[in-house]
Protein backbone atom coordinates (compact mmCIF):
# COMPACT_ATOMS: atom_id res chain seq x y z
CA MET A 1 26.07 31.29 9.08
CA SER A 2 24.88 29.75 12.34
CA GLY A 3 28.25 30.22 14.04
CA VAL A 4 28.51 26.49 14.83
CA GLY A 5 31.72 24.60 14.17
CA THR A 6 32.30 20.85 14.42
CA TRP A 7 35.25 18.80 15.60
CA GLU A 8 35.98 15.12 16.06
CA VAL A 9 38.62 13.01 17.74
CA ASP A 10 39.50 9.39 17.03
CA LEU A 11 40.77 8.37 20.46
CA ILE A 12 42.28 5.16 19.13
CA SER A 13 44.48 6.77 16.46
CA GLY A 14 44.65 10.18 18.15
CA ALA A 15 43.54 11.96 14.96
CA LEU A 16 41.80 15.30 15.52
CA SER A 17 39.94 17.32 12.88
CA TRP A 18 37.66 20.34 12.88
CA SER A 19 35.57 22.31 10.40
CA ALA A 20 36.35 25.63 8.72
CA GLU A 21 33.84 27.37 10.98
CA ASN A 22 35.57 25.91 14.03
CA CYS A 23 38.84 27.39 12.72
CA ARG A 24 37.17 30.80 12.42
CA ILE A 25 35.77 30.61 15.94
CA PHE A 26 39.20 29.73 17.36
CA GLY A 27 40.92 32.35 15.24
CA VAL A 28 43.25 30.04 13.29
CA PRO A 29 43.76 29.60 9.52
CA GLU A 30 41.77 26.78 7.91
CA GLN A 31 44.91 24.89 6.94
CA THR A 32 46.14 24.78 10.55
CA ALA A 33 46.53 21.22 11.84
CA PRO A 34 44.44 21.02 15.04
CA THR A 35 45.95 19.66 18.23
CA TYR A 36 44.70 19.38 21.80
CA GLU A 37 47.46 21.77 22.89
CA LEU A 38 46.39 24.34 20.27
CA PHE A 39 42.80 24.08 21.50
CA LEU A 40 43.79 24.58 25.16
CA GLY A 41 46.06 27.47 24.19
CA LYS A 42 43.03 29.35 22.83
CA VAL A 43 40.93 28.78 25.96
CA HIS A 44 40.92 31.69 28.41
CA PRO A 45 43.43 30.94 31.22
CA ASP A 46 40.74 31.41 33.87
CA ASP A 47 38.52 28.79 32.18
CA ARG A 48 41.19 26.29 31.13
CA GLU A 49 41.11 24.11 34.25
CA LYS A 50 37.30 23.97 34.11
CA VAL A 51 37.35 22.88 30.45
CA ILE A 52 39.96 20.17 31.11
CA HIS A 53 37.91 18.84 34.03
CA HIS A 54 34.69 18.70 31.99
CA TYR A 55 36.44 17.00 29.06
CA GLU A 56 38.00 14.36 31.30
CA GLU A 57 34.61 13.77 32.92
CA ALA A 58 33.05 13.42 29.45
CA LEU A 59 35.47 10.63 28.58
CA ARG A 60 33.93 8.70 31.48
CA THR A 61 30.28 9.75 31.24
CA GLY A 62 29.94 10.20 27.47
CA LEU A 63 28.63 13.80 27.46
CA PHE A 64 30.42 17.15 27.34
CA ALA A 65 28.53 20.46 27.63
CA ILE A 66 30.05 23.73 28.89
CA GLU A 67 30.19 27.48 28.26
CA TYR A 68 33.67 28.97 28.32
CA ARG A 69 35.74 31.85 26.97
CA LEU A 70 38.41 32.02 24.31
CA ASN A 71 41.24 34.55 24.52
CA LEU A 72 42.29 35.38 20.95
CA ASP A 73 45.21 37.79 21.41
CA GLY A 74 43.18 39.89 23.83
CA GLU A 75 39.80 39.49 22.09
CA ILE A 76 37.41 37.63 24.39
CA ARG A 77 34.97 35.30 22.66
CA TRP A 78 32.28 33.22 24.39
CA VAL A 79 31.46 29.74 23.10
CA HIS A 80 29.19 26.87 24.06
CA GLY A 81 30.93 23.54 23.62
CA LYS A 82 29.03 20.27 23.37
CA ALA A 83 30.18 16.77 22.49
CA ASN A 84 29.08 13.16 22.51
CA VAL A 85 31.60 10.47 23.37
CA ALA A 86 31.21 6.98 21.91
CA LEU A 87 32.08 4.31 24.45
CA ASP A 88 33.04 0.69 23.80
CA ASN A 89 32.59 -1.42 26.93
CA GLY A 90 33.00 1.77 28.96
CA LYS A 91 36.13 2.82 27.07
CA PRO A 92 35.98 6.08 25.06
CA ILE A 93 36.87 5.54 21.39
CA TYR A 94 35.45 8.52 19.48
CA VAL A 95 34.29 12.10 20.18
CA LEU A 96 32.02 14.24 18.00
CA GLY A 97 31.78 17.84 19.19
CA PHE A 98 30.20 21.17 18.34
CA THR A 99 31.37 24.71 19.13
CA HIS A 100 28.75 27.48 19.06
CA ASP A 101 29.89 31.13 19.06
CA ILE A 102 27.57 32.81 21.61
CA THR A 103 29.51 36.07 22.01
CA GLU A 104 26.66 38.20 20.66
CA ARG A 105 24.14 36.62 23.00
CA LYS A 106 26.48 37.05 25.97
CA THR A 107 27.04 40.69 25.03
CA SER A 108 23.30 41.31 25.02
CA GLN A 109 22.88 39.53 28.36
CA GLN A 110 25.70 41.51 29.93
CA ALA A 111 24.24 44.79 28.63
CA GLN A 112 20.84 43.91 30.11
CA LEU A 113 22.52 42.91 33.37
CA LEU A 114 24.41 46.20 33.49
CA SER A 115 21.18 48.11 32.86
CA SER A 116 19.41 46.27 35.69
CA GLN A 117 22.41 46.80 37.98
CA LEU A 118 22.35 50.54 37.25
CA SER A 119 18.62 50.62 38.02
CA ALA A 120 19.22 48.74 41.28
CA LEU A 121 22.12 51.07 42.08
CA GLY A 122 19.82 54.02 41.48
CA GLU A 123 17.29 52.66 43.98
CA VAL A 124 20.01 52.08 46.57
CA ALA A 125 21.48 55.53 45.92
CA ALA A 126 18.05 57.11 46.41
CA GLY A 127 17.56 55.30 49.71
CA VAL A 128 21.02 56.23 51.00
CA ALA A 129 20.62 59.83 49.84
CA HIS A 130 17.32 60.26 51.67
CA GLU A 131 18.78 58.77 54.85
CA ILE A 132 21.77 61.13 54.73
CA ASN A 133 19.84 64.21 53.68
CA ASN A 134 17.88 64.73 56.92
CA PRO A 135 20.77 64.51 59.43
CA ILE A 136 23.15 66.58 57.28
CA THR A 137 20.50 69.30 56.93
CA GLY A 138 20.17 69.31 60.72
CA ILE A 139 23.93 69.61 61.16
CA ILE A 140 24.16 72.53 58.73
CA ASN A 141 21.21 74.35 60.35
CA CYS A 142 22.54 73.90 63.91
CA ALA A 143 26.00 75.11 62.90
CA GLN A 144 24.47 78.12 61.15
CA ILE A 145 22.34 79.00 64.22
CA VAL A 146 25.43 79.04 66.45
CA LEU A 147 27.39 80.94 63.82
CA ASN A 148 24.69 83.63 63.65
CA ARG A 149 25.07 84.45 67.32
CA ALA A 150 26.63 87.80 68.05
CA LYS A 151 29.37 86.52 70.31
CA VAL A 152 31.29 83.64 68.85
CA ASP A 153 34.95 82.94 69.54
CA PRO A 154 37.01 83.49 66.34
CA GLY A 155 38.42 79.95 66.59
CA GLU A 156 34.94 78.48 67.00
CA GLN A 157 33.65 80.67 64.18
CA GLU A 158 36.22 79.23 61.78
CA ALA A 159 35.29 75.68 62.81
CA LEU A 160 31.57 76.42 62.37
CA ILE A 161 32.16 77.91 58.90
CA ARG A 162 34.07 74.74 58.00
CA ILE A 163 31.18 72.57 59.27
CA VAL A 164 28.67 74.47 57.14
CA LYS A 165 30.94 74.31 54.09
CA GLU A 166 31.61 70.58 54.39
CA GLY A 167 27.94 69.95 55.14
CA ASP A 168 26.96 71.77 51.96
CA ARG A 169 29.46 69.64 50.06
CA ILE A 170 27.88 66.45 51.41
CA ALA A 171 24.44 67.81 50.52
CA SER A 172 25.67 68.45 46.97
CA ILE A 173 26.91 64.85 46.65
CA VAL A 174 23.58 63.58 47.99
CA SER A 175 21.77 65.73 45.43
CA ASN A 176 23.84 64.18 42.62
CA LEU A 177 23.00 60.69 43.89
CA LEU A 178 19.30 61.56 43.86
CA ASN A 179 19.57 62.92 40.33
CA PHE A 180 21.34 59.72 39.27
CA ALA A 181 18.56 57.62 40.78
CA GLN A 182 15.61 59.54 39.40
CA LYS A 183 16.56 59.94 35.72
CA ASP A 184 14.62 58.31 32.91
CA ARG A 185 16.78 56.28 30.49
CA THR A 186 14.45 56.76 27.51
CA HIS A 187 13.58 60.45 27.83
CA MET A 188 15.32 62.79 25.36
CA GLU A 189 15.78 66.45 26.21
CA LEU A 190 17.95 69.49 25.44
CA LEU A 191 21.04 69.29 27.63
CA SER A 192 23.66 71.86 28.53
CA LEU A 193 27.11 70.30 28.22
CA GLY A 194 28.31 71.97 31.41
CA ASP A 195 25.44 70.47 33.40
CA LEU A 196 25.88 67.11 31.68
CA VAL A 197 29.56 66.81 32.63
CA SER A 198 29.45 68.44 36.06
CA GLY A 199 27.24 65.71 37.58
CA PRO A 200 29.66 62.81 36.92
CA VAL A 201 32.60 65.03 37.90
CA GLN A 202 31.02 65.79 41.28
CA LEU A 203 30.59 62.06 41.91
CA PHE A 204 34.29 61.46 41.17
CA VAL A 205 35.87 64.51 42.78
CA GLN A 206 36.20 62.91 46.23
CA MET A 207 37.84 59.77 44.80
CA PHE A 208 40.22 61.94 42.78
CA MET A 209 41.18 63.87 45.92
CA LYS A 210 41.72 60.64 47.88
CA ASP A 211 43.96 59.25 45.11
CA GLY A 212 45.85 62.54 44.75
CA ILE A 213 44.61 63.04 41.18
CA GLN A 214 44.59 66.62 39.91
CA PHE A 215 41.64 67.67 37.80
CA GLU A 216 41.28 70.30 35.08
CA PHE A 217 37.83 71.33 33.83
CA ASP A 218 37.45 73.55 30.76
CA ILE A 219 33.88 73.72 29.48
CA PRO A 220 33.31 77.20 27.97
CA ASP A 221 29.98 78.99 28.28
CA GLY A 222 27.81 79.47 25.22
CA LEU A 223 28.21 76.02 23.67
CA PRO A 224 25.12 74.74 21.83
CA CYS A 225 22.89 72.26 23.65
CA ILE A 226 22.72 68.52 22.96
CA LEU A 227 19.54 66.52 22.40
CA GLY A 228 19.91 63.30 24.35
CA ASN A 229 19.19 61.13 27.35
CA GLN A 230 20.98 62.57 30.35
CA MET A 231 21.28 59.28 32.24
CA GLN A 232 22.88 57.46 29.32
CA LEU A 233 25.27 60.26 28.38
CA GLU A 234 26.33 60.68 32.01
CA GLN A 235 27.01 56.93 32.04
CA VAL A 236 29.49 57.48 29.18
CA ILE A 237 31.27 60.32 31.04
CA LEU A 238 31.37 58.25 34.24
CA ASN A 239 33.00 55.38 32.35
CA MET A 240 35.65 57.68 30.86
CA LEU A 241 36.49 59.16 34.28
CA SER A 242 36.62 55.69 35.84
CA ASN A 243 39.03 54.44 33.16
CA ALA A 244 41.23 57.53 33.59
CA ARG A 245 41.36 57.01 37.36
CA HIS A 246 42.29 53.34 36.93
CA ALA A 247 45.07 54.17 34.44
CA LEU A 248 46.56 56.88 36.68
CA ASN A 249 46.50 54.68 39.79
CA LYS A 250 48.10 51.87 37.79
CA LYS A 251 50.97 54.10 36.62
CA TYR A 252 51.28 56.04 39.88
CA PRO A 253 50.21 53.77 42.77
CA GLU A 254 51.53 56.38 45.23
CA LEU A 255 50.83 60.12 45.39
CA SER A 256 52.42 62.00 42.49
CA ASP A 257 52.29 65.48 40.99
CA HIS A 258 51.90 63.89 37.55
CA LYS A 259 48.47 62.33 38.19
CA LEU A 260 46.24 64.52 36.03
CA VAL A 261 42.84 64.23 34.33
CA SER A 262 41.51 67.00 32.10
CA VAL A 263 38.04 67.41 30.62
CA SER A 264 37.50 70.02 27.91
CA ALA A 265 34.97 70.81 25.19
CA ARG A 266 34.65 72.90 22.05
CA LYS A 267 32.33 73.42 19.12
CA ARG A 268 33.35 71.63 15.93
CA ASP A 269 31.88 71.95 12.44
CA LYS A 270 31.79 69.30 9.73
CA GLY A 271 30.32 70.91 6.66
CA GLU A 272 26.89 72.18 7.58
CA GLN A 273 26.62 69.91 10.63
CA HIS A 274 27.63 71.31 14.02
CA TYR A 275 29.06 69.08 16.74
CA ILE A 276 30.19 69.33 20.34
CA GLU A 277 33.57 67.68 20.94
CA VAL A 278 34.31 66.52 24.49
CA SER A 279 37.86 65.46 25.37
CA VAL A 280 38.91 63.39 28.39
CA ARG A 281 42.68 63.08 28.73
CA ASP A 282 44.87 61.43 31.36
CA ASN A 283 48.62 60.85 31.55
CA GLY A 284 48.23 57.36 32.97
CA SER A 285 49.43 53.94 31.86
CA GLY A 286 48.02 54.22 28.33
CA ILE A 287 46.87 51.43 26.01
CA PRO A 288 49.22 49.11 24.07
CA SER A 289 49.05 49.82 20.33
CA ALA A 290 48.12 46.18 19.64
CA HIS A 291 44.98 46.63 21.75
CA LEU A 292 43.72 49.92 20.30
CA GLU A 293 41.77 48.21 17.51
CA LYS A 294 40.11 45.83 19.98
CA ILE A 295 39.13 48.07 22.90
CA PHE A 296 35.55 48.55 21.65
CA GLN A 297 34.98 44.83 21.28
CA PRO A 298 32.63 43.38 23.93
CA PHE A 299 34.43 41.63 26.80
CA PHE A 300 37.84 42.90 25.72
CA THR A 301 39.63 44.36 28.73
CA THR A 302 43.19 45.05 29.82
CA LYS A 303 42.15 45.13 33.47
CA ALA A 304 42.67 42.25 35.87
CA ALA A 305 39.93 39.67 36.36
CA GLY A 306 37.21 41.02 38.63
CA VAL A 307 38.18 44.65 37.96
CA GLY A 308 36.65 45.22 34.52
CA THR A 309 33.94 43.50 32.47
CA GLY A 310 35.18 44.67 29.07
CA LEU A 311 31.76 46.18 28.34
CA GLY A 312 32.20 49.83 29.34
CA LEU A 313 33.62 51.10 26.05
CA SER A 314 31.42 48.95 23.81
CA ILE A 315 28.28 50.13 25.62
CA SER A 316 29.51 53.74 25.59
CA ARG A 317 30.06 53.61 21.83
CA GLU A 318 26.59 52.12 21.32
CA ILE A 319 25.02 54.90 23.43
CA LEU A 320 26.85 57.60 21.47
CA GLN A 321 25.98 56.06 18.10
CA ASN A 322 22.32 55.96 19.15
CA HIS A 323 22.66 59.71 19.78
CA GLY A 324 24.16 60.28 16.32
CA GLY A 325 27.65 60.67 17.77
CA ASN A 326 30.86 58.69 18.02
CA ILE A 327 33.93 58.07 20.16
CA SER A 328 37.61 57.68 19.29
CA ILE A 329 40.65 56.96 21.44
CA ASP A 330 44.28 57.95 20.93
CA SER A 331 46.80 56.47 23.34
CA LEU A 332 50.50 55.84 23.83
CA GLU A 333 51.43 53.05 26.20
CA GLY A 334 53.02 54.39 29.37
CA GLU A 335 52.30 58.01 28.40
CA TYR A 336 48.66 59.05 27.98
CA THR A 337 45.13 58.26 26.80
CA HIS A 338 43.02 60.84 24.97
CA VAL A 339 39.31 60.09 24.50
CA THR A 340 37.32 62.22 22.05
CA ILE A 341 33.51 62.17 22.18
CA LEU A 342 31.59 63.74 19.31
CA LEU A 343 27.88 64.61 19.67
CA PRO A 344 25.59 66.53 17.29
CA ALA A 345 24.73 70.01 18.48
CA SER A 346 21.03 70.80 18.62
């Protein structure tokens, strides 16, 4: 019940034993004979050297205490390991250890960290947006003044029109950054789906263009509104677009005509309840079938270390469930990923 398993090692005979709860934490059947190699095989590769070092130090000092990760066929689990080593004339003879599953606590900490990082990002975005806003407004106004003159060379006129157009585009991006920074994460309001999706799309459109990713947007007019928190729901859309971009760049590292992301929506009825269904589809690298059941687990990620935290999908699902909605993912490795978001219509 407490999520604490025990283990012990007789260093003289080499006998190793651990409790049933320790077996559960390490993801092995209770009847499995424990070995040091089996233990190390369950430790996350990035933490293995650290664990070995701490254990070897414990055999000299008598105390072992460390937090590390387990990698159970792609499922990441956090544990706190602690042990006391009995010494006889400075020689280790016996180890009694405890393993505490702290995955839930780590998940909560990471979610709070992500929330604080988003708040900090919002403050930075607001500062940058204000600094950019004034000079870009000046550039647009000056170009427009020259453009309004009666005698302007046709070549110069085309260049000035381009300056105004690109300046307006920068101003639009700045406006989206300000909106991102100023939103309240607890406020619930009626939201138009088109407005809800267009903000995150505008933030990604430049990255898509740089990566050569084509984008299709099909949000019909007249869809019912959604009651929700705009900041949180935009966070979900941003995460879906980010995952799609990563998958496409992984499959097509160079420019390709096949790099495509599509976002669409439709009304869907389940009995008397009306829903809005949002689909985000990409034809990127896809998700292995063995991982599909684990992708919503906290800390589970198929991305390289330092690229993903493994929290995006778990937090997105929690946000949607708090809004009375849900999320499902259909994917074929090497072919596509299709994300379906379902939210109650208001």
